[in-house]
C-alpha cells in the first residue's frame, strides 16, 4: 500500500541528511516540498531526480486533495524547508487527512533546530516546552510568554532577525533577566550560540541577521517559592517612597522571577494594610 513519508531534511549543512532519507527521496514517486527551489538544491547535490510539487502554507488546502489522490497509487515524501515537516512548518493537515484515510504514515527522523539548540544551550534538557514562532504583535507575544511564567522546564521559541530585539525585551519584561541561549544560523557557515543573561543578549545582538532559535531558562527553584515577608516589606517601602505599581512590580519580577500578577495582588494587599 502506498505511504506518506515525513522526511526530515538538513537545517543548514546538507551533509546532515541521513542515508535513509536519501534512499526514500529517490524511491518515492513524488516529493511535496515547502519550497521546491530550496529542495532542488538538496536533490541536485545528491543526484536525485524525483519529481516535486509545491506544498506550502498558502496552497496547502488547495493541494490537499491532489496529494491524497496521488497517495492512492504511489508513495509520496513530504519535506519542509528545513528540519521535520509539521513542526512550525506545513504538513499537519496532510498528515491528519492521510491518517483518516488509513494511509500509512512513515517518519524519517533527522535534524531539528529545536533539539539542536536545546542540547548546545547549556540549559537543562530533562524537560522543555516549545512555543514555536512567537506572535508578531508585542501584546500577543507578552501574553504567550506570561502563560509560560511558571514553567519549570526550559522554554524554546523561534524568531526572525527583524523582531529579535523586541522579543528579547518582551522576554526580559515578562520573565525577568533569565539565562538564555540565542542560537543563530545553526549548522550553517555563520553559526553562533550566545549564552548569557537576556539583558546581555540585548546588548550583544545590535544588528541581528539570520534565523534564530531561543532557549530560555525555566522557572528557578527560588522563583517557585511564594511571596515572602521580605518582598512584601519591599513593596511597602516602595509605596511609601512614591514608586508606581508598574515600576515596582517590573523591578521585583526581574529580580525574583515571580509572576507579575502575583506581585500586583500583593501590592494591592500591602496598600490596603
C-alpha atoms as a PDB file:
ATOM      1  CA  UNK A   1       0.000   0.000   0.000  1.00  0.00           C
ATOM      2  CA  UNK A   2       1.338   3.496  -0.828  1.00  0.00           C
ATOM      3  CA  UNK A   3       2.665   5.504   2.109  1.00  0.00           C
ATOM      4  CA  UNK A   4       3.243   9.107   3.088  1.00  0.00           C
ATOM      5  CA  UNK A   5       6.850   9.590   4.204  1.00  0.00           C
ATOM      6  CA  UNK A   6       7.564  12.507   6.552  1.00  0.00           C
ATOM      7  CA  UNK A   7      11.208  13.237   5.760  1.00  0.00           C
ATOM      8  CA  UNK A   8      13.451  15.437   7.889  1.00  0.00           C
ATOM      9  CA  UNK A   9      15.938  17.496   5.867  1.00  0.00           C
ATOM     10  CA  UNK A  10      19.039  19.479   6.922  1.00  0.00           C
ATOM     11  CA  UNK A  11      18.524  22.719   8.837  1.00  0.00           C
ATOM     12  CA  UNK A  12      21.638  24.131   7.193  1.00  0.00           C
ATOM     13  CA  UNK A  13      24.543  21.839   6.397  1.00  0.00           C
ATOM     14  CA  UNK A  14      23.494  19.483   3.574  1.00  0.00           C
ATOM     15  CA  UNK A  15      25.760  16.751   4.935  1.00  0.00           C
ATOM     16  CA  UNK A  16      23.316  16.241   7.804  1.00  0.00           C
ATOM     17  CA  UNK A  17      20.851  14.320   5.603  1.00  0.00           C
ATOM     18  CA  UNK A  18      20.513  10.648   6.585  1.00  0.00           C
ATOM     19  CA  UNK A  19      21.204   7.709   4.264  1.00  0.00           C
ATOM     20  CA  UNK A  20      17.638   6.509   4.796  1.00  0.00           C
ATOM     21  CA  UNK A  21      16.225   9.924   3.872  1.00  0.00           C
ATOM     22  CA  UNK A  22      18.242   9.939   0.642  1.00  0.00           C
ATOM     23  CA  UNK A  23      17.001   6.450  -0.246  1.00  0.00           C
ATOM     24  CA  UNK A  24      13.365   7.400   0.391  1.00  0.00           C
ATOM     25  CA  UNK A  25      13.649  10.595  -1.657  1.00  0.00           C
ATOM     26  CA  UNK A  26      14.986   8.512  -4.553  1.00  0.00           C
ATOM     27  CA  UNK A  27      12.365   5.754  -4.276  1.00  0.00           C
ATOM     28  CA  UNK A  28       9.121   7.734  -3.872  1.00  0.00           C
ATOM     29  CA  UNK A  29       7.229   8.837  -6.961  1.00  0.00           C
ATOM     30  CA  UNK A  30       6.605  12.404  -5.783  1.00  0.00           C
ATOM     31  CA  UNK A  31       8.087  14.888  -3.293  1.00  0.00           C
ATOM     32  CA  UNK A  32       5.792  17.528  -1.777  1.00  0.00           C
ATOM     33  CA  UNK A  33       8.144  20.381  -0.872  1.00  0.00           C
ATOM     34  CA  UNK A  34       7.543  23.603   1.048  1.00  0.00           C
ATOM     35  CA  UNK A  35       9.976  25.409  -1.273  1.00  0.00           C
ATOM     36  CA  UNK A  36      10.815  23.494  -4.437  1.00  0.00           C
ATOM     37  CA  UNK A  37      13.763  25.796  -5.191  1.00  0.00           C
ATOM     38  CA  UNK A  38      15.396  25.056  -1.853  1.00  0.00           C
ATOM     39  CA  UNK A  39      14.659  21.338  -2.026  1.00  0.00           C
ATOM     40  CA  UNK A  40      16.008  21.245  -5.587  1.00  0.00           C
ATOM     41  CA  UNK A  41      19.447  22.255  -4.284  1.00  0.00           C
ATOM     42  CA  UNK A  42      19.380  19.260  -1.949  1.00  0.00           C
ATOM     43  CA  UNK A  43      18.263  16.901  -4.716  1.00  0.00           C
ATOM     44  CA  UNK A  44      20.905  18.158  -7.158  1.00  0.00           C
ATOM     45  CA  UNK A  45      23.622  17.721  -4.525  1.00  0.00           C
ATOM     46  CA  UNK A  46      22.743  14.035  -4.178  1.00  0.00           C
ATOM     47  CA  UNK A  47      21.773  13.394  -7.813  1.00  0.00           C
ATOM     48  CA  UNK A  48      18.096  12.715  -7.052  1.00  0.00           C
ATOM     49  CA  UNK A  49      15.643  13.195  -9.935  1.00  0.00           C
ATOM     50  CA  UNK A  50      12.293  12.546  -8.236  1.00  0.00           C
ATOM     51  CA  UNK A  51       9.505  14.928  -9.426  1.00  0.00           C
ATOM     52  CA  UNK A  52       8.397  17.640  -6.999  1.00  0.00           C
ATOM     53  CA  UNK A  53       5.255  19.637  -6.309  1.00  0.00           C
ATOM     54  CA  UNK A  54       4.922  22.657  -4.052  1.00  0.00           C
ATOM     55  CA  UNK A  55       3.126  22.320  -0.730  1.00  0.00           C
ATOM     56  CA  UNK A  56       3.324  25.385   1.472  1.00  0.00           C
ATOM     57  CA  UNK A  57       1.288  27.498   3.862  1.00  0.00           C
ATOM     58  CA  UNK A  58      -0.533  29.416   1.129  1.00  0.00           C
ATOM     59  CA  UNK A  59      -1.564  26.461  -1.031  1.00  0.00           C
ATOM     60  CA  UNK A  60      -1.834  23.623   1.487  1.00  0.00           C
ATOM     61  CA  UNK A  61      -5.635  23.489   1.346  1.00  0.00           C
ATOM     62  CA  UNK A  62      -5.762  23.632  -2.450  1.00  0.00           C
ATOM     63  CA  UNK A  63      -3.097  20.919  -2.780  1.00  0.00           C
ATOM     64  CA  UNK A  64      -4.588  18.589  -0.174  1.00  0.00           C
ATOM     65  CA  UNK A  65      -6.950  16.698  -2.485  1.00  0.00           C
ATOM     66  CA  UNK A  66      -4.281  16.396  -5.180  1.00  0.00           C
ATOM     67  CA  UNK A  67      -1.769  14.824  -2.785  1.00  0.00           C
ATOM     68  CA  UNK A  68      -4.361  12.474  -1.294  1.00  0.00           C
ATOM     69  CA  UNK A  69      -5.257  11.323  -4.803  1.00  0.00           C
ATOM     70  CA  UNK A  70      -1.564  10.719  -5.524  1.00  0.00           C
ATOM     71  CA  UNK A  71      -1.301   8.621  -2.379  1.00  0.00           C
ATOM     72  CA  UNK A  72      -3.930   6.221  -3.706  1.00  0.00           C
ATOM     73  CA  UNK A  73      -1.412   4.601  -6.040  1.00  0.00           C
ATOM     74  CA  UNK A  74       2.086   5.922  -5.252  1.00  0.00           C
ATOM     75  CA  UNK A  75       4.387   6.817  -2.384  1.00  0.00           C
ATOM     76  CA  UNK A  76       4.798  10.497  -1.560  1.00  0.00           C
ATOM     77  CA  UNK A  77       7.501  12.176   0.544  1.00  0.00           C
ATOM     78  CA  UNK A  78       6.755  15.376   2.431  1.00  0.00           C
ATOM     79  CA  UNK A  79       9.640  17.755   3.152  1.00  0.00           C
ATOM     80  CA  UNK A  80       9.839  21.278   4.565  1.00  0.00           C
ATOM     81  CA  UNK A  81      12.446  23.977   4.020  1.00  0.00           C
ATOM     82  CA  UNK A  82      14.473  22.588   6.919  1.00  0.00           C
ATOM     83  CA  UNK A  83      14.034  20.075   9.707  1.00  0.00           C
ATOM     84  CA  UNK A  84      10.957  17.957  10.351  1.00  0.00           C
ATOM     85  CA  UNK A  85       7.744  18.764   8.447  1.00  0.00           C
ATOM     86  CA  UNK A  86       4.738  19.825  10.554  1.00  0.00           C
ATOM     87  CA  UNK A  87       6.935  21.338  13.311  1.00  0.00           C
ATOM     88  CA  UNK A  88       6.243  25.044  12.699  1.00  0.00           C
ATOM     89  CA  UNK A  89       6.067  24.084   9.009  1.00  0.00           C
ATOM     90  CA  UNK A  90       3.297  22.849   6.672  1.00  0.00           C
ATOM     91  CA  UNK A  91       2.265  19.206   6.941  1.00  0.00           C
ATOM     92  CA  UNK A  92      -0.185  18.817   9.806  1.00  0.00           C
ATOM     93  CA  UNK A  93      -3.345  18.909   7.674  1.00  0.00           C
ATOM     94  CA  UNK A  94      -1.950  16.419   5.162  1.00  0.00           C
ATOM     95  CA  UNK A  95      -0.855  14.026   7.901  1.00  0.00           C
ATOM     96  CA  UNK A  96      -4.289  14.180   9.566  1.00  0.00           C
ATOM     97  CA  UNK A  97      -6.124  13.624   6.277  1.00  0.00           C
ATOM     98  CA  UNK A  98      -3.859  10.723   5.294  1.00  0.00           C
ATOM     99  CA  UNK A  99      -4.352   9.123   8.678  1.00  0.00           C
ATOM    100  CA  UNK A 100      -8.139   9.417   8.357  1.00  0.00           C
ATOM    101  CA  UNK A 101      -7.947   7.567   5.033  1.00  0.00           C
ATOM    102  CA  UNK A 102      -5.864   4.777   6.539  1.00  0.00           C
ATOM    103  CA  UNK A 103      -2.755   5.706   4.550  1.00  0.00           C
ATOM    104  CA  UNK A 104       0.451   4.556   6.297  1.00  0.00           C
ATOM    105  CA  UNK A 105       2.498   7.463   7.638  1.00  0.00           C
ATOM    106  CA  UNK A 106       6.213   6.734   7.953  1.00  0.00           C
ATOM    107  CA  UNK A 107       8.518   9.176   9.786  1.00  0.00           C
ATOM    108  CA  UNK A 108      12.104   9.523   8.563  1.00  0.00           C
ATOM    109  CA  UNK A 109      13.766  11.307  11.514  1.00  0.00           C
ATOM    110  CA  UNK A 110      16.636  13.718  11.211  1.00  0.00           C
ATOM    111  CA  UNK A 111      17.791  17.269  12.011  1.00  0.00           C
ATOM    112  CA  UNK A 112      15.716  19.529  14.242  1.00  0.00           C
ATOM    113  CA  UNK A 113      16.555  23.133  15.104  1.00  0.00           C
ATOM    114  CA  UNK A 114      14.627  22.785  18.372  1.00  0.00           C
ATOM    115  CA  UNK A 115      16.574  19.791  19.685  1.00  0.00           C
ATOM    116  CA  UNK A 116      19.882  21.030  18.264  1.00  0.00           C
ATOM    117  CA  UNK A 117      19.519  24.379  20.045  1.00  0.00           C
ATOM    118  CA  UNK A 118      18.441  22.724  23.288  1.00  0.00           C
ATOM    119  CA  UNK A 119      21.433  20.388  23.546  1.00  0.00           C
ATOM    120  CA  UNK A 120      24.002  23.135  22.836  1.00  0.00           C
ATOM    121  CA  UNK A 121      22.319  25.732  25.067  1.00  0.00           C
ATOM    122  CA  UNK A 122      23.852  24.611  28.339  1.00  0.00           C
ATOM    123  CA  UNK A 123      20.377  24.745  29.907  1.00  0.00           C
ATOM    124  CA  UNK A 124      18.507  21.755  31.415  1.00  0.00           C
ATOM    125  CA  UNK A 125      17.309  19.225  28.839  1.00  0.00           C
ATOM    126  CA  UNK A 126      15.220  16.934  31.066  1.00  0.00           C
ATOM    127  CA  UNK A 127      12.009  18.874  30.426  1.00  0.00           C
ATOM    128  CA  UNK A 128      11.210  21.581  27.889  1.00  0.00           C
ATOM    129  CA  UNK A 129       8.279  23.401  26.298  1.00  0.00           C
ATOM    130  CA  UNK A 130       8.241  24.524  22.656  1.00  0.00           C
ATOM    131  CA  UNK A 131       6.358  27.729  21.821  1.00  0.00           C
ATOM    132  CA  UNK A 132       7.047  27.722  18.071  1.00  0.00           C
ATOM    133  CA  UNK A 133       7.278  31.067  16.284  1.00  0.00           C
ATOM    134  CA  UNK A 134       6.332  33.821  18.735  1.00  0.00           C
ATOM    135  CA  UNK A 135       3.447  36.167  17.776  1.00  0.00           C
ATOM    136  CA  UNK A 136       4.308  39.208  15.683  1.00  0.00           C
ATOM    137  CA  UNK A 137       2.456  41.729  17.879  1.00  0.00           C
ATOM    138  CA  UNK A 138       4.024  42.642  21.211  1.00  0.00           C
ATOM    139  CA  UNK A 139       0.810  42.302  23.247  1.00  0.00           C
ATOM    140  CA  UNK A 140       0.151  38.825  21.870  1.00  0.00           C
ATOM    141  CA  UNK A 141       3.775  37.869  22.398  1.00  0.00           C
ATOM    142  CA  UNK A 142       3.744  39.035  26.012  1.00  0.00           C
ATOM    143  CA  UNK A 143       0.508  37.153  26.642  1.00  0.00           C
ATOM    144  CA  UNK A 144       2.048  33.906  25.389  1.00  0.00           C
ATOM    145  CA  UNK A 145       5.190  34.463  27.446  1.00  0.00           C
ATOM    146  CA  UNK A 146       3.043  35.189  30.501  1.00  0.00           C
ATOM    147  CA  UNK A 147       1.455  31.758  30.107  1.00  0.00           C
ATOM    148  CA  UNK A 148       4.927  30.224  30.458  1.00  0.00           C
ATOM    149  CA  UNK A 149       5.943  32.235  33.527  1.00  0.00           C
ATOM    150  CA  UNK A 150       5.606  29.297  35.910  1.00  0.00           C
ATOM    151  CA  UNK A 151       7.024  26.704  33.515  1.00  0.00           C
ATOM    152  CA  UNK A 152       9.888  24.923  35.285  1.00  0.00           C
ATOM    153  CA  UNK A 153      11.210  23.341  32.094  1.00  0.00           C
ATOM    154  CA  UNK A 154      13.424  25.045  29.545  1.00  0.00           C
ATOM    155  CA  UNK A 155      11.487  27.218  27.062  1.00  0.00           C
ATOM    156  CA  UNK A 156      12.249  27.130  23.334  1.00  0.00           C
ATOM    157  CA  UNK A 157      10.959  29.501  20.655  1.00  0.00           C
ATOM    158  CA  UNK A 158      11.778  30.606  17.110  1.00  0.00           C
ATOM    159  CA  UNK A 159      12.204  34.202  15.995  1.00  0.00           C
ATOM    160  CA  UNK A 160      13.077  36.205  12.908  1.00  0.00           C
ATOM    161  CA  UNK A 161      16.015  38.673  12.869  1.00  0.00           C
ATOM    162  CA  UNK A 162      13.929  41.835  12.486  1.00  0.00           C
ATOM    163  CA  UNK A 163      11.867  41.021  15.615  1.00  0.00           C
ATOM    164  CA  UNK A 164      14.651  39.532  17.752  1.00  0.00           C
ATOM    165  CA  UNK A 165      15.455  42.606  19.849  1.00  0.00           C
ATOM    166  CA  UNK A 166      11.794  43.446  20.508  1.00  0.00           C
ATOM    167  CA  UNK A 167      11.191  39.842  21.519  1.00  0.00           C
ATOM    168  CA  UNK A 168      14.188  39.738  23.867  1.00  0.00           C
ATOM    169  CA  UNK A 169      12.944  42.929  25.525  1.00  0.00           C
ATOM    170  CA  UNK A 170       9.479  41.387  25.978  1.00  0.00           C
ATOM    171  CA  UNK A 171      11.045  38.253  27.465  1.00  0.00           C
ATOM    172  CA  UNK A 172      13.046  40.394  29.886  1.00  0.00           C
ATOM    173  CA  UNK A 173       9.910  42.298  30.876  1.00  0.00           C
ATOM    174  CA  UNK A 174       7.694  39.244  31.362  1.00  0.00           C
ATOM    175  CA  UNK A 175      10.088  36.526  32.555  1.00  0.00           C
ATOM    176  CA  UNK A 176      12.861  38.571  34.130  1.00  0.00           C
ATOM    177  CA  UNK A 177      16.585  38.503  33.393  1.00  0.00           C
ATOM    178  CA  UNK A 178      16.929  34.746  32.999  1.00  0.00           C
ATOM    179  CA  UNK A 179      19.691  32.763  31.343  1.00  0.00           C
ATOM    180  CA  UNK A 180      19.266  32.366  27.597  1.00  0.00           C
ATOM    181  CA  UNK A 181      20.994  30.753  24.662  1.00  0.00           C
ATOM    182  CA  UNK A 182      20.404  32.619  21.415  1.00  0.00           C
ATOM    183  CA  UNK A 183      21.247  30.204  18.606  1.00  0.00           C
ATOM    184  CA  UNK A 184      21.833  31.774  15.200  1.00  0.00           C
ATOM    185  CA  UNK A 185      22.200  30.041  11.830  1.00  0.00           C
ATOM    186  CA  UNK A 186      22.619  26.564  13.341  1.00  0.00           C
ATOM    187  CA  UNK A 187      24.857  24.210  11.277  1.00  0.00           C
ATOM    188  CA  UNK A 188      25.482  26.981   8.737  1.00  0.00           C
ATOM    189  CA  UNK A 189      28.646  28.930   7.917  1.00  0.00           C
ATOM    190  CA  UNK A 190      27.920  31.751  10.376  1.00  0.00           C
ATOM    191  CA  UNK A 191      26.629  29.581  13.214  1.00  0.00           C
ATOM    192  CA  UNK A 192      26.674  31.331  16.585  1.00  0.00           C
ATOM    193  CA  UNK A 193      25.460  30.377  20.046  1.00  0.00           C
ATOM    194  CA  UNK A 194      25.308  33.249  22.530  1.00  0.00           C
ATOM    195  CA  UNK A 195      24.953  32.183  26.178  1.00  0.00           C
ATOM    196  CA  UNK A 196      24.285  34.656  28.956  1.00  0.00           C
ATOM    197  CA  UNK A 197      21.552  36.734  30.565  1.00  0.00           C
ATOM    198  CA  UNK A 198      18.719  38.134  28.449  1.00  0.00           C
ATOM    199  CA  UNK A 199      19.897  41.690  29.149  1.00  0.00           C
ATOM    200  CA  UNK A 200      23.339  40.734  27.836  1.00  0.00           C
ATOM    201  CA  UNK A 201      21.815  39.208  24.694  1.00  0.00           C
ATOM    202  CA  UNK A 202      20.018  42.502  24.001  1.00  0.00           C
ATOM    203  CA  UNK A 203      23.350  44.330  24.118  1.00  0.00           C
ATOM    204  CA  UNK A 204      25.089  41.678  22.006  1.00  0.00           C
ATOM    205  CA  UNK A 205      22.705  41.471  19.046  1.00  0.00           C
ATOM    206  CA  UNK A 206      22.830  45.051  17.779  1.00  0.00           C
ATOM    207  CA  UNK A 207      22.117  44.164  14.132  1.00  0.00           C
ATOM    208  CA  UNK A 208      20.767  40.601  14.198  1.00  0.00           C
ATOM    209  CA  UNK A 209      20.895  38.569  10.994  1.00  0.00           C
ATOM    210  CA  UNK A 210      19.906  35.010  10.162  1.00  0.00           C
ATOM    211  CA  UNK A 211      17.475  32.530  11.667  1.00  0.00           C
ATOM    212  CA  UNK A 212      17.201  32.380  15.463  1.00  0.00           C
ATOM    213  CA  UNK A 213      16.231  29.729  17.983  1.00  0.00           C
ATOM    214  CA  UNK A 214      15.833  30.987  21.556  1.00  0.00           C
ATOM    215  CA  UNK A 215      16.409  28.653  24.505  1.00  0.00           C
ATOM    216  CA  UNK A 216      15.261  30.282  27.750  1.00  0.00           C
ATOM    217  CA  UNK A 217      15.832  29.173  31.312  1.00  0.00           C
ATOM    218  CA  UNK A 218      12.734  27.844  33.051  1.00  0.00           C
ATOM    219  CA  UNK A 219      11.484  28.977  36.419  1.00  0.00           C
ATOM    220  CA  UNK A 220      14.208  28.634  39.005  1.00  0.00           C
ATOM    221  CA  UNK A 221      13.674  26.873  42.317  1.00  0.00           C
ATOM    222  CA  UNK A 222      13.837  30.144  44.215  1.00  0.00           C
ATOM    223  CA  UNK A 223      11.153  31.504  41.875  1.00  0.00           C
ATOM    224  CA  UNK A 224       8.844  28.663  42.823  1.00  0.00           C
ATOM    225  CA  UNK A 225       8.629  29.984  46.366  1.00  0.00           C
ATOM    226  CA  UNK A 226       5.645  32.075  47.329  1.00  0.00           C
ATOM    227  CA  UNK A 227       5.860  35.696  48.267  1.00  0.00           C
ATOM    228  CA  UNK A 228       7.997  36.204  51.343  1.00  0.00           C
ATOM    229  CA  UNK A 229       7.632  38.731  54.110  1.00  0.00           C
ATOM    230  CA  UNK A 230      10.786  40.447  52.857  1.00  0.00           C
ATOM    231  CA  UNK A 231       9.243  41.006  49.425  1.00  0.00           C
ATOM    232  CA  UNK A 232       6.054  42.372  50.982  1.00  0.00           C
ATOM    233  CA  UNK A 233       8.135  44.754  53.087  1.00  0.00           C
ATOM    234  CA  UNK A 234       9.995  45.815  49.943  1.00  0.00           C
ATOM    235  CA  UNK A 235       6.689  46.546  48.211  1.00  0.00           C
ATOM    236  CA  UNK A 236       5.532  48.550  51.221  1.00  0.00           C
ATOM    237  CA  UNK A 237       8.764  50.574  51.251  1.00  0.00           C
ATOM    238  CA  UNK A 238       8.383  51.303  47.525  1.00  0.00           C
ATOM    239  CA  UNK A 239       4.822  52.513  48.049  1.00  0.00           C
ATOM    240  CA  UNK A 240       5.966  54.876  50.808  1.00  0.00           C
ATOM    241  CA  UNK A 241       8.770  56.100  48.521  1.00  0.00           C
ATOM    242  CA  UNK A 242       6.315  57.015  45.776  1.00  0.00           C
ATOM    243  CA  UNK A 243       7.335  54.289  43.318  1.00  0.00           C
ATOM    244  CA  UNK A 244       4.490  53.380  40.970  1.00  0.00           C
ATOM    245  CA  UNK A 245       2.971  49.913  40.977  1.00  0.00           C
ATOM    246  CA  UNK A 246       4.200  49.279  37.425  1.00  0.00           C
ATOM    247  CA  UNK A 247       7.779  50.230  38.237  1.00  0.00           C
ATOM    248  CA  UNK A 248       7.880  48.276  41.494  1.00  0.00           C
ATOM    249  CA  UNK A 249       6.357  45.124  40.036  1.00  0.00           C
ATOM    250  CA  UNK A 250       8.637  45.189  36.985  1.00  0.00           C
ATOM    251  CA  UNK A 251      11.727  45.554  39.164  1.00  0.00           C
ATOM    252  CA  UNK A 252      10.856  42.794  41.633  1.00  0.00           C
ATOM    253  CA  UNK A 253       9.656  40.464  38.889  1.00  0.00           C
ATOM    254  CA  UNK A 254      13.001  40.932  37.128  1.00  0.00           C
ATOM    255  CA  UNK A 255      14.954  40.295  40.344  1.00  0.00           C
ATOM    256  CA  UNK A 256      12.988  37.263  41.553  1.00  0.00           C
ATOM    257  CA  UNK A 257      11.140  35.846  38.563  1.00  0.00           C
ATOM    258  CA  UNK A 258       7.874  35.993  40.476  1.00  0.00           C
ATOM    259  CA  UNK A 259       4.677  36.405  38.471  1.00  0.00           C
ATOM    260  CA  UNK A 260       3.629  39.991  37.852  1.00  0.00           C
ATOM    261  CA  UNK A 261       0.038  39.056  38.568  1.00  0.00           C
ATOM    262  CA  UNK A 262       1.053  37.617  41.933  1.00  0.00           C
ATOM    263  CA  UNK A 263       3.110  40.695  42.735  1.00  0.00           C
ATOM    264  CA  UNK A 264       0.255  43.004  41.741  1.00  0.00           C
ATOM    265  CA  UNK A 265      -2.125  41.189  44.092  1.00  0.00           C
ATOM    266  CA  UNK A 266       0.463  41.544  46.850  1.00  0.00           C
ATOM    267  CA  UNK A 267       0.834  45.258  46.010  1.00  0.00           C
ATOM    268  CA  UNK A 268      -2.896  45.790  46.483  1.00  0.00           C
ATOM    269  CA  UNK A 269      -2.937  43.852  49.751  1.00  0.00           C
ATOM    270  CA  UNK A 270       0.015  45.850  51.103  1.00  0.00           C
ATOM    271  CA  UNK A 271      -1.716  49.082  50.065  1.00  0.00           C
ATOM    272  CA  UNK A 272      -4.852  48.102  51.979  1.00  0.00           C
ATOM    273  CA  UNK A 273      -2.899  47.349  55.126  1.00  0.00           C
END
